[in-house]
C-alpha atoms as a PDB file:
ATOM      1  CA  UNK A   1     -47.025  -6.705 -11.599  1.00  0.00           C
ATOM      2  CA  UNK A   2     -47.919  -5.279  -8.194  1.00  0.00           C
ATOM      3  CA  UNK A   3     -49.656  -7.037  -5.338  1.00  0.00           C
ATOM      4  CA  UNK A   4     -51.629  -5.079  -2.566  1.00  0.00           C
ATOM      5  CA  UNK A   5     -50.711  -5.300   0.715  1.00  0.00           C
ATOM      6  CA  UNK A   6     -52.041  -3.065   4.010  1.00  0.00           C
ATOM      7  CA  UNK A   7     -48.989  -3.717   6.570  1.00  0.00           C
ATOM      8  CA  UNK A   8     -45.292  -4.070   6.242  1.00  0.00           C
ATOM      9  CA  UNK A   9     -44.024  -5.250   9.321  1.00  0.00           C
ATOM     10  CA  UNK A  10     -39.807  -4.959   9.969  1.00  0.00           C
ATOM     11  CA  UNK A  11     -37.763  -6.492  12.910  1.00  0.00           C
ATOM     12  CA  UNK A  12     -40.485  -9.494  13.057  1.00  0.00           C
ATOM     13  CA  UNK A  13     -39.826 -11.875  15.222  1.00  0.00           C
ATOM     14  CA  UNK A  14     -42.929 -14.105  15.430  1.00  0.00           C
ATOM     15  CA  UNK A  15     -43.438 -14.888  11.593  1.00  0.00           C
ATOM     16  CA  UNK A  16     -40.647 -17.522  11.437  1.00  0.00           C
ATOM     17  CA  UNK A  17     -37.048 -18.073  12.702  1.00  0.00           C
ATOM     18  CA  UNK A  18     -34.444 -15.071  13.182  1.00  0.00           C
ATOM     19  CA  UNK A  19     -35.639 -11.797  12.523  1.00  0.00           C
ATOM     20  CA  UNK A  20     -37.690 -11.146   9.340  1.00  0.00           C
ATOM     21  CA  UNK A  21     -40.167  -8.518   7.143  1.00  0.00           C
ATOM     22  CA  UNK A  22     -43.878  -9.933   7.089  1.00  0.00           C
ATOM     23  CA  UNK A  23     -45.648  -8.333   4.251  1.00  0.00           C
ATOM     24  CA  UNK A  24     -49.407  -8.478   4.962  1.00  0.00           C
ATOM     25  CA  UNK A  25     -51.282  -8.759   1.836  1.00  0.00           C
ATOM     26  CA  UNK A  26     -54.939  -7.798   1.083  1.00  0.00           C
ATOM     27  CA  UNK A  27     -58.104 -10.557   0.973  1.00  0.00           C
ATOM     28  CA  UNK A  28     -58.877 -13.299   2.710  1.00  0.00           C
ATOM     29  CA  UNK A  29     -61.648 -15.667   1.860  1.00  0.00           C
ATOM     30  CA  UNK A  30     -62.302 -16.360   5.848  1.00  0.00           C
ATOM     31  CA  UNK A  31     -64.322 -13.972   8.244  1.00  0.00           C
ATOM     32  CA  UNK A  32     -62.979 -15.139  11.639  1.00  0.00           C
ATOM     33  CA  UNK A  33     -64.677 -13.990  14.597  1.00  0.00           C
ATOM     34  CA  UNK A  34     -61.419 -13.377  16.418  1.00  0.00           C
ATOM     35  CA  UNK A  35     -59.814 -11.847  12.982  1.00  0.00           C
ATOM     36  CA  UNK A  36     -57.540  -9.057  14.765  1.00  0.00           C
ATOM     37  CA  UNK A  37     -56.752  -7.416  10.847  1.00  0.00           C
ATOM     38  CA  UNK A  38     -59.855  -7.112   9.837  1.00  0.00           C
ATOM     39  CA  UNK A  39     -58.583  -4.554   7.481  1.00  0.00           C
ATOM     40  CA  UNK A  40     -56.752  -7.257   5.744  1.00  0.00           C
ATOM     41  CA  UNK A  41     -59.816  -8.677   4.819  1.00  0.00           C
ATOM     42  CA  UNK A  42     -61.536  -7.297   1.692  1.00  0.00           C
ATOM     43  CA  UNK A  43     -59.679  -7.547  -1.249  1.00  0.00           C
ATOM     44  CA  UNK A  44     -59.648  -4.192  -2.035  1.00  0.00           C
ATOM     45  CA  UNK A  45     -57.621  -0.755  -1.114  1.00  0.00           C
ATOM     46  CA  UNK A  46     -59.863   0.959   1.815  1.00  0.00           C
ATOM     47  CA  UNK A  47     -60.210   4.095   4.271  1.00  0.00           C
ATOM     48  CA  UNK A  48     -59.342   3.321   7.584  1.00  0.00           C
ATOM     49  CA  UNK A  49     -60.046   5.674  10.758  1.00  0.00           C
ATOM     50  CA  UNK A  50     -56.981   6.007  13.058  1.00  0.00           C
ATOM     51  CA  UNK A  51     -57.386   7.719  16.502  1.00  0.00           C
ATOM     52  CA  UNK A  52     -53.877   9.118  18.700  1.00  0.00           C
ATOM     53  CA  UNK A  53     -54.417  10.614  21.972  1.00  0.00           C
ATOM     54  CA  UNK A  54     -52.241  13.256  22.487  1.00  0.00           C
ATOM     55  CA  UNK A  55     -52.751  14.395  26.430  1.00  0.00           C
ATOM     56  CA  UNK A  56     -56.445  14.745  27.002  1.00  0.00           C
ATOM     57  CA  UNK A  57     -57.042  15.314  23.312  1.00  0.00           C
ATOM     58  CA  UNK A  58     -58.163  12.933  20.632  1.00  0.00           C
ATOM     59  CA  UNK A  59     -56.723  13.439  17.006  1.00  0.00           C
ATOM     60  CA  UNK A  60     -58.730  11.467  13.708  1.00  0.00           C
ATOM     61  CA  UNK A  61     -57.066  10.769  10.895  1.00  0.00           C
ATOM     62  CA  UNK A  62     -58.046   9.037   7.767  1.00  0.00           C
ATOM     63  CA  UNK A  63     -55.504   6.585   6.546  1.00  0.00           C
ATOM     64  CA  UNK A  64     -55.171   3.997   3.456  1.00  0.00           C
ATOM     65  CA  UNK A  65     -55.763   0.306   4.294  1.00  0.00           C
ATOM     66  CA  UNK A  66     -53.901  -1.489   1.413  1.00  0.00           C
ATOM     67  CA  UNK A  67     -51.149   0.322  -0.996  1.00  0.00           C
ATOM     68  CA  UNK A  68     -50.414  -1.455  -4.396  1.00  0.00           C
ATOM     69  CA  UNK A  69     -46.368  -2.554  -4.516  1.00  0.00           C
ATOM     70  CA  UNK A  70     -44.063  -4.261  -6.687  1.00  0.00           C
ATOM     71  CA  UNK A  71     -41.510  -7.049  -6.079  1.00  0.00           C
ATOM     72  CA  UNK A  72     -38.578  -4.902  -7.023  1.00  0.00           C
ATOM     73  CA  UNK A  73     -39.927  -2.727  -4.064  1.00  0.00           C
ATOM     74  CA  UNK A  74     -40.314  -5.580  -1.721  1.00  0.00           C
ATOM     75  CA  UNK A  75     -36.645  -6.722  -2.758  1.00  0.00           C
ATOM     76  CA  UNK A  76     -35.251  -2.683  -1.614  1.00  0.00           C
ATOM     77  CA  UNK A  77     -37.252  -3.397   1.577  1.00  0.00           C
ATOM     78  CA  UNK A  78     -35.191  -6.512   1.827  1.00  0.00           C
ATOM     79  CA  UNK A  79     -32.085  -5.138   1.075  1.00  0.00           C
ATOM     80  CA  UNK A  80     -32.297  -2.470   3.866  1.00  0.00           C
ATOM     81  CA  UNK A  81     -33.124  -4.741   6.254  1.00  0.00           C
ATOM     82  CA  UNK A  82     -30.081  -7.387   4.804  1.00  0.00           C
ATOM     83  CA  UNK A  83     -27.926  -7.343   8.068  1.00  0.00           C
ATOM     84  CA  UNK A  84     -30.227  -8.441  10.833  1.00  0.00           C
ATOM     85  CA  UNK A  85     -31.602 -11.210   8.572  1.00  0.00           C
ATOM     86  CA  UNK A  86     -28.638 -12.484   7.787  1.00  0.00           C
ATOM     87  CA  UNK A  87     -27.188 -12.121  11.199  1.00  0.00           C
ATOM     88  CA  UNK A  88     -30.418 -13.935  12.528  1.00  0.00           C
ATOM     89  CA  UNK A  89     -31.384 -16.388  10.065  1.00  0.00           C
ATOM     90  CA  UNK A  90     -34.198 -14.563   9.331  1.00  0.00           C
ATOM     91  CA  UNK A  91     -35.990 -14.093   5.948  1.00  0.00           C
ATOM     92  CA  UNK A  92     -39.322 -12.935   4.624  1.00  0.00           C
ATOM     93  CA  UNK A  93     -42.646 -13.619   5.261  1.00  0.00           C
ATOM     94  CA  UNK A  94     -45.977 -12.972   3.301  1.00  0.00           C
ATOM     95  CA  UNK A  95     -48.835 -13.018   5.907  1.00  0.00           C
ATOM     96  CA  UNK A  96     -52.188 -11.311   5.549  1.00  0.00           C
ATOM     97  CA  UNK A  97     -55.139 -11.156   5.028  1.00  0.00           C
ATOM     98  CA  UNK A  98     -54.798 -14.465   3.656  1.00  0.00           C
ATOM     99  CA  UNK A  99     -51.244 -14.360   0.492  1.00  0.00           C
ATOM    100  CA  UNK A 100     -52.590 -16.977  -1.299  1.00  0.00           C
ATOM    101  CA  UNK A 101     -55.665 -14.826  -2.478  1.00  0.00           C
ATOM    102  CA  UNK A 102     -53.145 -13.201  -4.424  1.00  0.00           C
ATOM    103  CA  UNK A 103     -50.911 -15.821  -6.125  1.00  0.00           C
ATOM    104  CA  UNK A 104     -49.370 -15.101  -8.439  1.00  0.00           C
ATOM    105  CA  UNK A 105     -47.751 -11.946  -7.405  1.00  0.00           C
ATOM    106  CA  UNK A 106     -47.284 -14.269  -4.465  1.00  0.00           C
ATOM    107  CA  UNK A 107     -45.449 -16.678  -6.326  1.00  0.00           C
ATOM    108  CA  UNK A 108     -43.144 -13.668  -8.562  1.00  0.00           C
ATOM    109  CA  UNK A 109     -42.371 -12.368  -4.920  1.00  0.00           C
ATOM    110  CA  UNK A 110     -41.431 -15.876  -3.316  1.00  0.00           C
ATOM    111  CA  UNK A 111     -39.078 -16.296  -6.733  1.00  0.00           C
ATOM    112  CA  UNK A 112     -37.416 -13.170  -6.571  1.00  0.00           C
ATOM    113  CA  UNK A 113     -36.986 -13.509  -2.666  1.00  0.00           C
ATOM    114  CA  UNK A 114     -34.812 -16.706  -2.699  1.00  0.00           C
ATOM    115  CA  UNK A 115     -33.327 -15.748  -5.856  1.00  0.00           C
ATOM    116  CA  UNK A 116     -31.759 -12.675  -3.776  1.00  0.00           C
ATOM    117  CA  UNK A 117     -30.998 -15.266  -0.837  1.00  0.00           C
ATOM    118  CA  UNK A 118     -33.953 -14.748   1.482  1.00  0.00           C
ATOM    119  CA  UNK A 119     -34.983 -17.415   3.574  1.00  0.00           C
ATOM    120  CA  UNK A 120     -38.804 -17.547   2.240  1.00  0.00           C
ATOM    121  CA  UNK A 121     -42.306 -18.239   4.429  1.00  0.00           C
ATOM    122  CA  UNK A 122     -45.913 -18.031   3.900  1.00  0.00           C
ATOM    123  CA  UNK A 123     -48.524 -17.218   6.767  1.00  0.00           C
ATOM    124  CA  UNK A 124     -51.906 -19.339   5.201  1.00  0.00           C
ATOM    125  CA  UNK A 125     -55.300 -20.247   6.596  1.00  0.00           C
ATOM    126  CA  UNK A 126     -54.831 -23.258   4.480  1.00  0.00           C
ATOM    127  CA  UNK A 127     -57.489 -22.141   2.586  1.00  0.00           C
ATOM    128  CA  UNK A 128     -56.978 -22.043  -1.561  1.00  0.00           C
ATOM    129  CA  UNK A 129     -56.847 -24.404  -4.813  1.00  0.00           C
ATOM    130  CA  UNK A 130     -54.024 -26.878  -4.047  1.00  0.00           C
ATOM    131  CA  UNK A 131     -52.733 -25.887  -7.530  1.00  0.00           C
ATOM    132  CA  UNK A 132     -51.576 -22.611  -5.714  1.00  0.00           C
ATOM    133  CA  UNK A 133     -49.817 -24.119  -3.252  1.00  0.00           C
ATOM    134  CA  UNK A 134     -48.389 -26.847  -5.774  1.00  0.00           C
ATOM    135  CA  UNK A 135     -46.729 -23.381  -7.397  1.00  0.00           C
ATOM    136  CA  UNK A 136     -45.161 -21.944  -4.634  1.00  0.00           C
ATOM    137  CA  UNK A 137     -43.824 -25.057  -2.899  1.00  0.00           C
ATOM    138  CA  UNK A 138     -40.511 -24.716  -4.654  1.00  0.00           C
ATOM    139  CA  UNK A 139     -40.252 -21.322  -3.928  1.00  0.00           C
ATOM    140  CA  UNK A 140     -41.016 -21.305   0.099  1.00  0.00           C
ATOM    141  CA  UNK A 141     -38.574 -22.848   2.515  1.00  0.00           C
ATOM    142  CA  UNK A 142     -41.309 -22.547   5.838  1.00  0.00           C
ATOM    143  CA  UNK A 143     -45.550 -22.892   6.013  1.00  0.00           C
ATOM    144  CA  UNK A 144     -46.795 -21.375   9.001  1.00  0.00           C
ATOM    145  CA  UNK A 145     -50.198 -23.267   8.716  1.00  0.00           C
ATOM    146  CA  UNK A 146     -53.406 -22.511  10.288  1.00  0.00           C
ATOM    147  CA  UNK A 147     -55.306 -25.427  11.526  1.00  0.00           C
ATOM    148  CA  UNK A 148     -58.252 -23.921  13.522  1.00  0.00           C
ATOM    149  CA  UNK A 149     -60.685 -26.328  14.341  1.00  0.00           C
ATOM    150  CA  UNK A 150     -61.495 -30.551  13.125  1.00  0.00           C
ATOM    151  CA  UNK A 151     -65.546 -30.553  13.127  1.00  0.00           C
ATOM    152  CA  UNK A 152     -66.168 -28.962   9.556  1.00  0.00           C
ATOM    153  CA  UNK A 153     -70.001 -27.232  10.925  1.00  0.00           C
ATOM    154  CA  UNK A 154     -67.943 -25.751  13.785  1.00  0.00           C
ATOM    155  CA  UNK A 155     -65.238 -24.366  11.574  1.00  0.00           C
ATOM    156  CA  UNK A 156     -68.019 -22.919   9.381  1.00  0.00           C
ATOM    157  CA  UNK A 157     -70.068 -21.477  11.330  1.00  0.00           C
ATOM    158  CA  UNK A 158     -67.334 -19.646  13.048  1.00  0.00           C
ATOM    159  CA  UNK A 159     -64.944 -18.980   9.813  1.00  0.00           C
ATOM    160  CA  UNK A 160     -67.621 -18.769   7.214  1.00  0.00           C
ATOM    161  CA  UNK A 161     -65.797 -21.930   4.868  1.00  0.00           C
ATOM    162  CA  UNK A 162     -65.208 -25.743   5.207  1.00  0.00           C
ATOM    163  CA  UNK A 163     -62.105 -27.035   6.484  1.00  0.00           C
ATOM    164  CA  UNK A 164     -61.971 -29.936   4.069  1.00  0.00           C
ATOM    165  CA  UNK A 165     -59.944 -28.036   1.790  1.00  0.00           C
ATOM    166  CA  UNK A 166     -57.446 -26.778   4.790  1.00  0.00           C
ATOM    167  CA  UNK A 167     -56.891 -29.950   5.840  1.00  0.00           C
ATOM    168  CA  UNK A 168     -56.363 -31.720   2.430  1.00  0.00           C
ATOM    169  CA  UNK A 169     -53.788 -28.755   2.009  1.00  0.00           C
ATOM    170  CA  UNK A 170     -52.136 -29.521   5.214  1.00  0.00           C
ATOM    171  CA  UNK A 171     -51.121 -32.843   3.971  1.00  0.00           C
ATOM    172  CA  UNK A 172     -49.936 -31.998   0.726  1.00  0.00           C
ATOM    173  CA  UNK A 173     -47.727 -29.685   2.257  1.00  0.00           C
ATOM    174  CA  UNK A 174     -46.004 -31.746   4.831  1.00  0.00           C
ATOM    175  CA  UNK A 175     -45.704 -34.698   1.953  1.00  0.00           C
ATOM    176  CA  UNK A 176     -43.900 -32.087   0.018  1.00  0.00           C
ATOM    177  CA  UNK A 177     -40.948 -31.931   2.224  1.00  0.00           C
ATOM    178  CA  UNK A 178     -41.676 -28.795   3.172  1.00  0.00           C
ATOM    179  CA  UNK A 179     -40.983 -27.246   6.836  1.00  0.00           C
ATOM    180  CA  UNK A 180     -43.889 -26.713   8.209  1.00  0.00           C
ATOM    181  CA  UNK A 181     -45.033 -25.259  11.319  1.00  0.00           C
ATOM    182  CA  UNK A 182     -48.868 -25.962  12.677  1.00  0.00           C
ATOM    183  CA  UNK A 183     -50.513 -22.216  14.152  1.00  0.00           C
ATOM    184  CA  UNK A 184     -53.861 -22.732  16.506  1.00  0.00           C
ATOM    185  CA  UNK A 185     -55.322 -20.260  17.880  1.00  0.00           C
ATOM    186  CA  UNK A 186     -56.873 -20.819  21.324  1.00  0.00           C
ATOM    187  CA  UNK A 187     -59.853 -18.983  20.920  1.00  0.00           C
ATOM    188  CA  UNK A 188     -62.583 -19.666  24.300  1.00  0.00           C
ATOM    189  CA  UNK A 189     -65.804 -21.282  23.214  1.00  0.00           C
ATOM    190  CA  UNK A 190     -64.894 -22.359  19.753  1.00  0.00           C
ATOM    191  CA  UNK A 191     -62.213 -24.916  20.479  1.00  0.00           C
ATOM    192  CA  UNK A 192     -60.634 -25.165  23.591  1.00  0.00           C
ATOM    193  CA  UNK A 193     -62.843 -27.656  24.926  1.00  0.00           C
ATOM    194  CA  UNK A 194     -60.879 -31.027  26.016  1.00  0.00           C
ATOM    195  CA  UNK A 195     -63.168 -33.182  23.600  1.00  0.00           C
ATOM    196  CA  UNK A 196     -61.698 -31.078  20.770  1.00  0.00           C
ATOM    197  CA  UNK A 197     -57.922 -30.789  22.458  1.00  0.00           C
ATOM    198  CA  UNK A 198     -58.119 -33.790  22.399  1.00  0.00           C
ATOM    199  CA  UNK A 199     -58.901 -34.622  18.713  1.00  0.00           C
ATOM    200  CA  UNK A 200     -56.524 -32.259  17.499  1.00  0.00           C
ATOM    201  CA  UNK A 201     -53.489 -33.574  19.817  1.00  0.00           C
ATOM    202  CA  UNK A 202     -54.576 -36.951  17.831  1.00  0.00           C
ATOM    203  CA  UNK A 203     -54.668 -35.181  14.425  1.00  0.00           C
ATOM    204  CA  UNK A 204     -51.215 -33.848  15.036  1.00  0.00           C
ATOM    205  CA  UNK A 205     -49.878 -37.183  16.148  1.00  0.00           C
ATOM    206  CA  UNK A 206     -50.939 -39.181  13.095  1.00  0.00           C
ATOM    207  CA  UNK A 207     -49.624 -36.575  10.901  1.00  0.00           C
ATOM    208  CA  UNK A 208     -46.369 -36.444  12.770  1.00  0.00           C
ATOM    209  CA  UNK A 209     -43.529 -35.831  10.229  1.00  0.00           C
ATOM    210  CA  UNK A 210     -39.994 -34.570  10.662  1.00  0.00           C
ATOM    211  CA  UNK A 211     -40.738 -31.638   8.340  1.00  0.00           C
ATOM    212  CA  UNK A 212     -43.721 -31.010  10.879  1.00  0.00           C
ATOM    213  CA  UNK A 213     -41.007 -28.475  12.746  1.00  0.00           C
ATOM    214  CA  UNK A 214     -42.974 -26.872  15.948  1.00  0.00           C
ATOM    215  CA  UNK A 215     -46.668 -26.188  17.374  1.00  0.00           C
ATOM    216  CA  UNK A 216     -47.454 -22.634  18.301  1.00  0.00           C
ATOM    217  CA  UNK A 217     -50.455 -22.215  20.417  1.00  0.00           C
ATOM    218  CA  UNK A 218     -51.995 -18.733  18.968  1.00  0.00           C
ATOM    219  CA  UNK A 219     -53.938 -17.104  22.530  1.00  0.00           C
ATOM    220  CA  UNK A 220     -56.862 -15.505  21.333  1.00  0.00           C
ATOM    221  CA  UNK A 221     -56.286 -11.461  22.223  1.00  0.00           C
ATOM    222  CA  UNK A 222     -58.662  -8.357  22.136  1.00  0.00           C
ATOM    223  CA  UNK A 223     -55.669  -6.456  20.027  1.00  0.00           C
ATOM    224  CA  UNK A 224     -57.846  -5.929  17.213  1.00  0.00           C
ATOM    225  CA  UNK A 225     -61.339  -4.954  19.032  1.00  0.00           C
ATOM    226  CA  UNK A 226     -60.491  -1.067  18.523  1.00  0.00           C
ATOM    227  CA  UNK A 227     -60.264  -1.947  15.115  1.00  0.00           C
ATOM    228  CA  UNK A 228     -64.018  -3.015  14.621  1.00  0.00           C
ATOM    229  CA  UNK A 229     -64.941   0.167  16.428  1.00  0.00           C
ATOM    230  CA  UNK A 230     -63.302   2.319  13.648  1.00  0.00           C
ATOM    231  CA  UNK A 231     -64.105   0.289  10.782  1.00  0.00           C
ATOM    232  CA  UNK A 232     -67.716   0.396  12.276  1.00  0.00           C
ATOM    233  CA  UNK A 233     -67.808  -3.849  12.117  1.00  0.00           C
ATOM    234  CA  UNK A 234     -69.300  -5.617  14.650  1.00  0.00           C
ATOM    235  CA  UNK A 235     -67.359  -7.806  17.075  1.00  0.00           C
ATOM    236  CA  UNK A 236     -68.680 -10.811  17.277  1.00  0.00           C
ATOM    237  CA  UNK A 237     -65.983 -11.819  20.433  1.00  0.00           C
ATOM    238  CA  UNK A 238     -67.175  -8.920  22.842  1.00  0.00           C
ATOM    239  CA  UNK A 239     -66.916  -9.619  26.097  1.00  0.00           C
ATOM    240  CA  UNK A 240     -64.550 -13.085  25.560  1.00  0.00           C
ATOM    241  CA  UNK A 241     -61.680 -13.104  27.833  1.00  0.00           C
ATOM    242  CA  UNK A 242     -58.399 -14.265  26.492  1.00  0.00           C
ATOM    243  CA  UNK A 243     -56.653 -17.432  27.977  1.00  0.00           C
ATOM    244  CA  UNK A 244     -54.845 -17.224  31.045  1.00  0.00           C
ATOM    245  CA  UNK A 245     -51.090 -17.376  30.996  1.00  0.00           C
ATOM    246  CA  UNK A 246     -51.529 -20.969  33.195  1.00  0.00           C
ATOM    247  CA  UNK A 247     -54.066 -22.307  30.698  1.00  0.00           C
ATOM    248  CA  UNK A 248     -51.684 -21.919  27.800  1.00  0.00           C
ATOM    249  CA  UNK A 249     -48.720 -23.154  30.068  1.00  0.00           C
ATOM    250  CA  UNK A 250     -51.181 -26.574  30.392  1.00  0.00           C
ATOM    251  CA  UNK A 251     -51.784 -26.514  26.910  1.00  0.00           C
ATOM    252  CA  UNK A 252     -48.104 -26.602  25.707  1.00  0.00           C
ATOM    253  CA  UNK A 253     -47.036 -29.208  28.200  1.00  0.00           C
ATOM    254  CA  UNK A 254     -50.742 -30.931  26.684  1.00  0.00           C
ATOM    255  CA  UNK A 255     -49.408 -30.612  23.121  1.00  0.00           C
ATOM    256  CA  UNK A 256     -45.545 -31.544  23.838  1.00  0.00           C
ATOM    257  CA  UNK A 257     -47.380 -35.149  24.468  1.00  0.00           C
ATOM    258  CA  UNK A 258     -46.538 -35.216  20.513  1.00  0.00           C
ATOM    259  CA  UNK A 259     -43.174 -35.596  20.968  1.00  0.00           C
ATOM    260  CA  UNK A 260     -42.968 -31.832  18.625  1.00  0.00           C
ATOM    261  CA  UNK A 261     -41.653 -28.970  20.067  1.00  0.00           C
ATOM    262  CA  UNK A 262     -44.550 -26.364  21.008  1.00  0.00           C
ATOM    263  CA  UNK A 263     -43.841 -22.595  22.027  1.00  0.00           C
ATOM    264  CA  UNK A 264     -46.777 -20.498  23.250  1.00  0.00           C
ATOM    265  CA  UNK A 265     -46.958 -17.121  20.488  1.00  0.00           C
ATOM    266  CA  UNK A 266     -45.880 -17.179  16.760  1.00  0.00           C
END
């Protein structure tokens, strides 16, 4: 069995505890306006244009976005980083795209990783069948779970999907006892108004549990904008400025009132 990935990030420190290897899996059912990995949305391999400047000259090449990889290849990559992973208390993270779009491969990769002594994490939008999450829960030490907006209409407008399934899966995973870190993207004009922020804080407080380990506030950034241009995709966030450091610190203090540890960034 093989899975389709579009990137491997070694020495990752923002996708769970310690030093990790993060595998970015292809395919995502959401179409978030601010997505910074548009090359991960399609479930199929793609060709994308990469440019590099050397002095005044710009060189363009065509690269593959999507490579099939086996579970054994994943283990080989992890084993090369084992000393750093072990010394830092790190592990392996499966991200995307949306890793739950390849549930059978993800399950096998998680099983093999756990059997070989690696701490496992899944970074998910929460949008998948509950049965898919039930299958991987026994082999997943940590879920990095995105909650973008609590209003269903606004969630669907900006991501193309309803949030009902996401909220239900979040509660199910919390009830399972597995560790969870909530990730909240802070998107100007989408979910950063005072009314919604109060609702989000109340929602997290109502669902507070010992295994809800952290709230991660992810500030909107423009890193992905160049990818939109290269892939000829409309940039729906064009002209939107990232939140300031002062604003992010204000939100950190705001969400700290839940009694849960808050971090800016992953």
